[in-house]
Amino acid sequence: MAKPAIKKWVLSPHAAIRMMERGVSVDEIHQLIESPDLLLAQGPKWVFAKSFARRSDNLVAAILLERKDKDLWIVITVMINFQQKVK
């Protein structure tokens, strides 16, 4: 699956709150968008996830949604301990 070209992204208020609660930095979000370890397309939403050596809480994941009319991606939520469901 090809990674979407993301030039601009912003945090939703919900994502900013989740980042603060979970100790996730803006730099970590930038890194996982730039070079995800796991990428899943779920309809119009995309899951980007990455493992960070300095974190012990498994994969950090962000759900992004594209605003095509604005050429902008919105980080709608941030998770830790992310696990992909196996079908």
Protein backbone atom coordinates (compact mmCIF):
# COMPACT_ATOMS: atom_id res chain seq x y z
CA MET A 1 0.00 0.00 0.00
CA ALA A 2 1.41 3.35 -1.02
CA LYS A 3 1.78 5.96 1.68
CA PRO A 4 -0.28 9.06 0.91
CA ALA A 5 1.68 12.23 0.19
CA ILE A 6 1.08 14.40 3.23
CA LYS A 7 2.45 17.91 2.94
CA LYS A 8 0.37 19.67 5.59
CA TRP A 9 -1.28 18.30 8.71
CA VAL A 10 -2.88 19.70 11.85
CA LEU A 11 -4.01 18.28 15.16
CA SER A 12 -7.67 18.22 16.06
CA PRO A 13 -8.43 19.43 19.58
CA HIS A 14 -9.27 15.81 20.49
CA ALA A 15 -5.87 14.57 19.22
CA ALA A 16 -4.02 17.30 21.15
CA ILE A 17 -5.75 16.25 24.37
CA ARG A 18 -4.98 12.56 23.76
CA MET A 19 -1.33 13.39 23.05
CA MET A 20 -1.05 15.26 26.34
CA GLU A 21 -2.75 12.43 28.27
CA ARG A 22 -0.53 9.80 26.67
CA GLY A 23 2.77 11.67 26.66
CA VAL A 24 3.11 11.71 22.88
CA SER A 25 5.09 14.59 21.37
CA VAL A 26 4.49 16.50 18.16
CA ASP A 27 7.89 15.24 17.01
CA GLU A 28 6.73 11.63 17.47
CA ILE A 29 3.59 12.36 15.41
CA HIS A 30 5.75 13.93 12.71
CA GLN A 31 8.05 10.86 12.68
CA LEU A 32 5.20 8.36 12.46
CA ILE A 33 3.61 10.29 9.58
CA GLU A 34 6.93 10.53 7.74
CA SER A 35 8.01 6.89 8.24
CA PRO A 36 5.30 4.64 9.69
CA ASP A 37 6.02 1.02 10.65
CA LEU A 38 2.37 0.20 9.93
CA LEU A 39 -0.02 1.87 7.52
CA LEU A 40 -3.69 0.93 7.15
CA ALA A 41 -6.38 2.46 4.96
CA GLN A 42 -9.82 2.32 6.56
CA GLY A 43 -12.23 4.02 4.22
CA PRO A 44 -11.45 7.72 4.20
CA LYS A 45 -9.29 7.38 7.32
CA TRP A 46 -5.69 6.21 7.53
CA VAL A 47 -3.94 4.63 10.51
CA PHE A 48 -0.26 5.47 10.87
CA ALA A 49 1.63 3.58 13.59
CA LYS A 50 5.25 3.45 14.69
CA SER A 51 7.32 1.85 17.41
CA PHE A 52 9.74 4.15 19.26
CA ALA A 53 12.73 2.63 21.07
CA ARG A 54 12.41 5.07 23.97
CA ARG A 55 8.77 4.12 24.60
CA SER A 56 7.66 0.90 26.26
CA ASP A 57 3.98 1.20 25.32
CA ASN A 58 4.03 -0.71 22.02
CA LEU A 59 3.01 1.14 18.85
CA VAL A 60 2.01 4.80 18.88
CA ALA A 61 -0.75 5.34 16.33
CA ALA A 62 -2.53 8.30 14.80
CA ILE A 63 -5.70 8.32 12.74
CA LEU A 64 -5.64 10.83 9.90
CA LEU A 65 -8.38 12.10 7.65
CA GLU A 66 -7.76 14.03 4.44
CA ARG A 67 -9.50 17.32 3.74
CA LYS A 68 -9.21 17.24 -0.04
CA ASP A 69 -10.77 20.67 -0.44
CA LYS A 70 -7.98 22.16 1.69
CA ASP A 71 -5.03 19.89 0.71
CA LEU A 72 -4.72 19.22 4.43
CA TRP A 73 -4.67 16.15 6.68
CA ILE A 74 -6.20 16.21 10.15
CA VAL A 75 -4.88 14.04 12.97
CA ILE A 76 -8.18 13.11 14.59
CA THR A 77 -6.90 10.94 17.45
CA VAL A 78 -3.72 9.46 18.91
CA MET A 79 -3.37 6.07 20.60
CA ILE A 80 -0.73 4.04 22.41
CA ASN A 81 -0.51 0.25 22.75
CA PHE A 82 -2.01 0.00 19.27
CA GLN A 83 -2.60 -3.51 17.91
CA GLN A 84 -3.91 -4.33 14.49
CA LYS A 85 -6.97 -6.58 14.49
CA VAL A 86 -6.38 -9.89 12.78
CA LYS A 87 -9.32 -11.08 10.70
